[in-house]
């Protein structure tokens, strides 16, 4: 039983075999709060900001239309728009980088 791996969860040690799928999984990375990603596939309807623009928390950045709903994307914190990676009318898949913030 040399394929067993040990896990310590809250002080209890477990031994188990890992599946090939688990062994080959993509490791989790902490999301970068300065990168705004799409949370659902959709179409960029309108962009309200430009690169280099200073934006305050809560200000509108763009509208992402998905499933017949218009989702207003707002600035999560005060900052400057470093780069806009999308354009109006473009369809974007889930987890697409839309805006970089400085």
N, C-alpha and C. Protein backbone atom coordinates (compact mmCIF):
# COMPACT_ATOMS: atom_id res chain seq x y z
N UNK A 1 0.84 -1.19 0.00
CA UNK A 1 0.00 0.00 0.00
C UNK A 1 0.87 1.25 0.00
N UNK A 2 1.79 1.32 -0.92
CA UNK A 2 2.70 2.45 -1.00
C UNK A 2 2.09 3.65 -1.69
N UNK A 3 0.88 3.53 -2.28
CA UNK A 3 0.22 4.63 -2.96
C UNK A 3 -0.58 5.52 -2.01
N UNK A 4 -0.61 5.18 -0.73
CA UNK A 4 -1.40 5.94 0.22
C UNK A 4 -0.71 7.26 0.55
N UNK A 5 -1.51 8.31 0.62
CA UNK A 5 -1.04 9.65 1.00
C UNK A 5 -1.68 10.01 2.34
N UNK A 6 -0.93 10.75 3.15
CA UNK A 6 -1.44 11.17 4.45
C UNK A 6 -1.93 12.62 4.38
N UNK A 7 -3.09 12.86 5.00
CA UNK A 7 -3.64 14.20 5.13
C UNK A 7 -3.92 14.44 6.60
N UNK A 8 -3.54 15.61 7.09
CA UNK A 8 -3.84 15.98 8.47
C UNK A 8 -4.91 17.05 8.42
N UNK A 9 -6.09 16.69 8.88
CA UNK A 9 -7.22 17.62 8.89
C UNK A 9 -7.68 17.80 10.32
N UNK A 10 -7.46 18.99 10.85
CA UNK A 10 -7.83 19.33 12.22
C UNK A 10 -7.27 18.33 13.23
N UNK A 11 -6.03 17.91 13.02
CA UNK A 11 -5.37 17.02 13.97
C UNK A 11 -5.62 15.54 13.74
N UNK A 12 -6.50 15.19 12.83
CA UNK A 12 -6.76 13.78 12.53
C UNK A 12 -6.02 13.43 11.24
N UNK A 13 -5.24 12.35 11.28
CA UNK A 13 -4.46 11.94 10.11
C UNK A 13 -5.24 10.88 9.34
N UNK A 14 -5.43 11.13 8.06
CA UNK A 14 -6.13 10.20 7.18
C UNK A 14 -5.14 9.67 6.16
N UNK A 15 -5.28 8.39 5.78
CA UNK A 15 -4.49 7.81 4.71
C UNK A 15 -5.46 7.39 3.61
N UNK A 16 -5.14 7.76 2.38
CA UNK A 16 -6.03 7.46 1.27
C UNK A 16 -5.25 7.38 -0.03
N UNK A 17 -5.83 6.75 -1.03
CA UNK A 17 -5.29 6.75 -2.38
C UNK A 17 -5.89 7.93 -3.13
N UNK A 18 -5.10 8.54 -3.98
CA UNK A 18 -5.58 9.67 -4.77
C UNK A 18 -5.86 9.22 -6.19
N UNK A 19 -6.93 9.77 -6.78
CA UNK A 19 -7.25 9.42 -8.17
C UNK A 19 -6.30 10.16 -9.10
N UNK A 20 -6.18 9.65 -10.32
CA UNK A 20 -5.34 10.29 -11.34
C UNK A 20 -5.83 11.71 -11.61
N UNK A 21 -7.16 11.88 -11.64
CA UNK A 21 -7.74 13.21 -11.88
C UNK A 21 -7.30 14.18 -10.78
N UNK A 22 -7.32 13.73 -9.52
CA UNK A 22 -6.91 14.59 -8.41
C UNK A 22 -5.41 14.92 -8.51
N UNK A 23 -4.61 13.93 -8.84
CA UNK A 23 -3.16 14.14 -8.94
C UNK A 23 -2.80 15.14 -10.04
N UNK A 24 -3.59 15.16 -11.12
CA UNK A 24 -3.31 16.03 -12.27
C UNK A 24 -4.08 17.34 -12.26
N UNK A 25 -4.77 17.63 -11.18
CA UNK A 25 -5.59 18.84 -11.12
C UNK A 25 -4.73 20.10 -11.18
N UNK A 26 -5.34 21.19 -11.60
CA UNK A 26 -4.66 22.48 -11.63
C UNK A 26 -4.68 23.03 -10.20
N UNK A 27 -3.52 23.43 -9.72
CA UNK A 27 -3.44 23.97 -8.37
C UNK A 27 -4.17 25.30 -8.28
N UNK A 28 -4.81 25.53 -7.12
CA UNK A 28 -5.54 26.76 -6.88
C UNK A 28 -4.56 27.91 -6.68
N UNK A 29 -4.86 29.04 -7.28
CA UNK A 29 -4.07 30.25 -7.09
C UNK A 29 -4.98 31.34 -6.57
N UNK A 30 -4.46 32.12 -5.62
CA UNK A 30 -5.24 33.23 -5.09
C UNK A 30 -5.51 34.23 -6.21
N UNK A 31 -6.78 34.62 -6.41
CA UNK A 31 -7.10 35.58 -7.46
C UNK A 31 -6.42 36.93 -7.19
N UNK A 32 -5.98 37.59 -8.23
CA UNK A 32 -5.39 38.92 -8.12
C UNK A 32 -6.52 39.94 -8.09
N UNK A 33 -6.69 40.68 -6.98
CA UNK A 33 -7.80 41.64 -6.89
C UNK A 33 -7.68 42.79 -7.89
N UNK A 34 -6.51 42.96 -8.50
CA UNK A 34 -6.32 44.04 -9.47
C UNK A 34 -6.69 43.62 -10.88
N UNK A 35 -7.12 42.37 -11.06
CA UNK A 35 -7.59 41.87 -12.36
C UNK A 35 -9.08 41.57 -12.25
N UNK A 36 -9.89 42.26 -13.04
CA UNK A 36 -11.33 41.99 -13.05
C UNK A 36 -11.63 40.98 -14.15
N UNK A 37 -12.18 39.84 -13.75
CA UNK A 37 -12.51 38.76 -14.68
C UNK A 37 -14.01 38.68 -14.87
N UNK A 38 -14.44 38.22 -16.03
CA UNK A 38 -15.87 37.98 -16.24
C UNK A 38 -16.29 36.81 -15.35
N UNK A 39 -17.47 36.92 -14.78
CA UNK A 39 -17.99 35.89 -13.88
C UNK A 39 -19.01 34.99 -14.56
N UNK A 40 -19.33 35.33 -15.80
CA UNK A 40 -20.31 34.57 -16.58
C UNK A 40 -20.03 34.87 -18.06
N UNK A 41 -20.26 33.93 -18.97
CA UNK A 41 -20.07 34.25 -20.39
C UNK A 41 -21.12 35.27 -20.84
N UNK A 42 -20.71 36.18 -21.69
CA UNK A 42 -21.67 37.19 -22.16
C UNK A 42 -21.05 38.12 -23.18
N UNK A 43 -21.72 39.24 -23.41
CA UNK A 43 -21.29 40.23 -24.39
C UNK A 43 -21.07 41.56 -23.69
N UNK A 44 -19.96 42.22 -24.02
CA UNK A 44 -19.70 43.55 -23.48
C UNK A 44 -20.58 44.53 -24.25
N UNK A 45 -21.53 45.16 -23.57
CA UNK A 45 -22.48 46.05 -24.22
C UNK A 45 -21.94 47.48 -24.27
N UNK A 46 -21.39 47.94 -23.15
CA UNK A 46 -20.92 49.33 -23.08
C UNK A 46 -19.78 49.43 -22.08
N UNK A 47 -18.77 50.24 -22.41
CA UNK A 47 -17.64 50.50 -21.52
C UNK A 47 -17.66 51.99 -21.18
N UNK A 48 -17.62 52.29 -19.87
CA UNK A 48 -17.75 53.67 -19.41
C UNK A 48 -16.42 54.34 -19.06
N UNK A 49 -15.30 53.60 -19.06
CA UNK A 49 -14.02 54.15 -18.62
C UNK A 49 -12.98 54.02 -19.71
N UNK A 50 -11.86 54.71 -19.52
CA UNK A 50 -10.74 54.64 -20.46
C UNK A 50 -9.47 54.30 -19.69
N UNK A 51 -8.48 53.78 -20.39
CA UNK A 51 -7.20 53.47 -19.76
C UNK A 51 -6.58 54.75 -19.21
N UNK A 52 -5.99 54.65 -18.02
CA UNK A 52 -5.38 55.80 -17.37
C UNK A 52 -6.34 56.62 -16.52
N UNK A 53 -7.61 56.30 -16.58
CA UNK A 53 -8.63 57.05 -15.84
C UNK A 53 -8.63 56.65 -14.37
N UNK A 54 -8.73 57.65 -13.48
CA UNK A 54 -8.89 57.38 -12.05
C UNK A 54 -10.35 57.09 -11.78
N UNK A 55 -10.61 56.02 -11.03
CA UNK A 55 -11.99 55.60 -10.76
C UNK A 55 -12.13 55.32 -9.27
N UNK A 56 -13.25 55.74 -8.70
CA UNK A 56 -13.53 55.52 -7.28
C UNK A 56 -14.32 54.22 -7.11
N UNK A 57 -14.23 53.64 -5.94
CA UNK A 57 -14.97 52.42 -5.61
C UNK A 57 -16.47 52.64 -5.85
N UNK A 58 -17.10 51.68 -6.52
CA UNK A 58 -18.54 51.74 -6.77
C UNK A 58 -18.92 52.39 -8.09
N UNK A 59 -17.96 53.04 -8.76
CA UNK A 59 -18.27 53.65 -10.06
C UNK A 59 -18.44 52.56 -11.11
N UNK A 60 -19.29 52.83 -12.09
CA UNK A 60 -19.58 51.87 -13.16
C UNK A 60 -18.42 51.79 -14.14
N UNK A 61 -18.02 50.56 -14.48
CA UNK A 61 -16.95 50.34 -15.45
C UNK A 61 -17.51 49.94 -16.81
N UNK A 62 -18.45 48.98 -16.80
CA UNK A 62 -19.00 48.46 -18.06
C UNK A 62 -20.27 47.68 -17.79
N UNK A 63 -20.93 47.30 -18.87
CA UNK A 63 -22.12 46.44 -18.79
C UNK A 63 -21.80 45.15 -19.53
N UNK A 64 -22.02 44.03 -18.85
CA UNK A 64 -21.84 42.69 -19.43
C UNK A 64 -23.22 42.06 -19.53
N UNK A 65 -23.68 41.83 -20.75
CA UNK A 65 -25.00 41.23 -20.95
C UNK A 65 -24.85 39.72 -21.04
N UNK A 66 -25.61 39.01 -20.20
CA UNK A 66 -25.57 37.56 -20.18
C UNK A 66 -26.97 37.03 -19.85
N UNK A 67 -27.40 36.06 -20.60
CA UNK A 67 -28.70 35.42 -20.37
C UNK A 67 -29.84 36.45 -20.31
N UNK A 68 -29.79 37.42 -21.23
CA UNK A 68 -30.80 38.47 -21.36
C UNK A 68 -30.83 39.42 -20.17
N UNK A 69 -29.77 39.42 -19.36
CA UNK A 69 -29.68 40.34 -18.23
C UNK A 69 -28.46 41.23 -18.43
N UNK A 70 -28.59 42.48 -18.08
CA UNK A 70 -27.47 43.41 -18.15
C UNK A 70 -26.85 43.53 -16.77
N UNK A 71 -25.58 43.10 -16.66
CA UNK A 71 -24.87 43.12 -15.39
C UNK A 71 -23.92 44.31 -15.37
N UNK A 72 -24.12 45.20 -14.41
CA UNK A 72 -23.28 46.37 -14.26
C UNK A 72 -22.03 45.98 -13.50
N UNK A 73 -20.86 46.16 -14.11
CA UNK A 73 -19.59 45.85 -13.47
C UNK A 73 -19.08 47.14 -12.82
N UNK A 74 -18.87 47.09 -11.50
CA UNK A 74 -18.46 48.28 -10.76
C UNK A 74 -17.04 48.15 -10.26
N UNK A 75 -16.41 49.27 -10.03
CA UNK A 75 -15.05 49.32 -9.51
C UNK A 75 -15.06 48.82 -8.06
N UNK A 76 -14.23 47.82 -7.74
CA UNK A 76 -14.24 47.26 -6.38
C UNK A 76 -13.54 48.13 -5.34
N UNK A 77 -12.62 49.01 -5.78
CA UNK A 77 -11.87 49.89 -4.87
C UNK A 77 -11.33 51.07 -5.69
N UNK A 78 -10.86 52.10 -5.02
CA UNK A 78 -10.28 53.24 -5.73
C UNK A 78 -9.02 52.81 -6.48
N UNK A 79 -8.84 53.32 -7.69
CA UNK A 79 -7.66 52.96 -8.45
C UNK A 79 -7.65 53.62 -9.82
N UNK A 80 -6.68 53.21 -10.62
CA UNK A 80 -6.52 53.73 -11.99
C UNK A 80 -6.64 52.56 -12.95
N UNK A 81 -7.37 52.78 -14.04
CA UNK A 81 -7.53 51.73 -15.06
C UNK A 81 -6.20 51.60 -15.80
N UNK A 82 -5.54 50.47 -15.62
CA UNK A 82 -4.24 50.23 -16.27
C UNK A 82 -4.44 49.78 -17.72
N UNK A 83 -5.31 48.79 -17.93
CA UNK A 83 -5.52 48.25 -19.28
C UNK A 83 -6.93 47.67 -19.38
N UNK A 84 -7.59 47.93 -20.50
CA UNK A 84 -8.90 47.33 -20.79
C UNK A 84 -8.66 46.27 -21.86
N UNK A 85 -9.04 45.04 -21.56
CA UNK A 85 -8.76 43.91 -22.46
C UNK A 85 -9.96 43.50 -23.31
N UNK A 86 -11.08 44.20 -23.18
CA UNK A 86 -12.28 43.86 -23.95
C UNK A 86 -12.73 45.09 -24.72
N UNK A 87 -13.64 44.88 -25.64
CA UNK A 87 -14.20 46.01 -26.38
C UNK A 87 -15.70 45.80 -26.53
N UNK A 88 -16.41 46.88 -26.77
CA UNK A 88 -17.86 46.81 -26.91
C UNK A 88 -18.23 45.88 -28.06
N UNK A 89 -19.25 45.06 -27.82
CA UNK A 89 -19.73 44.12 -28.83
C UNK A 89 -19.02 42.77 -28.81
N UNK A 90 -17.95 42.66 -28.03
CA UNK A 90 -17.18 41.41 -27.98
C UNK A 90 -17.83 40.42 -27.03
N UNK A 91 -17.92 39.16 -27.47
CA UNK A 91 -18.39 38.09 -26.60
C UNK A 91 -17.20 37.57 -25.80
N UNK A 92 -17.42 37.39 -24.50
CA UNK A 92 -16.34 36.92 -23.64
C UNK A 92 -16.76 35.65 -22.91
N UNK A 93 -15.87 34.66 -22.82
CA UNK A 93 -16.18 33.47 -22.03
C UNK A 93 -16.02 33.77 -20.55
N UNK A 94 -16.41 32.81 -19.73
CA UNK A 94 -16.26 32.92 -18.28
C UNK A 94 -14.78 33.05 -17.93
N UNK A 95 -14.48 33.83 -16.91
CA UNK A 95 -13.12 34.03 -16.37
C UNK A 95 -12.16 34.67 -17.37
N UNK A 96 -12.68 35.54 -18.22
CA UNK A 96 -11.85 36.31 -19.15
C UNK A 96 -11.38 37.58 -18.46
N UNK A 97 -10.09 37.91 -18.59
CA UNK A 97 -9.57 39.15 -18.04
C UNK A 97 -10.19 40.32 -18.81
N UNK A 98 -10.92 41.18 -18.08
CA UNK A 98 -11.58 42.32 -18.73
C UNK A 98 -10.81 43.61 -18.47
N UNK A 99 -10.39 43.83 -17.21
CA UNK A 99 -9.74 45.09 -16.84
C UNK A 99 -8.63 44.83 -15.85
N UNK A 100 -7.49 45.53 -16.03
CA UNK A 100 -6.42 45.54 -15.05
C UNK A 100 -6.44 46.89 -14.34
N UNK A 101 -6.25 46.87 -13.02
CA UNK A 101 -6.31 48.08 -12.20
C UNK A 101 -4.95 48.30 -11.54
N UNK A 102 -4.54 49.57 -11.44
CA UNK A 102 -3.31 49.92 -10.71
C UNK A 102 -3.69 50.44 -9.34
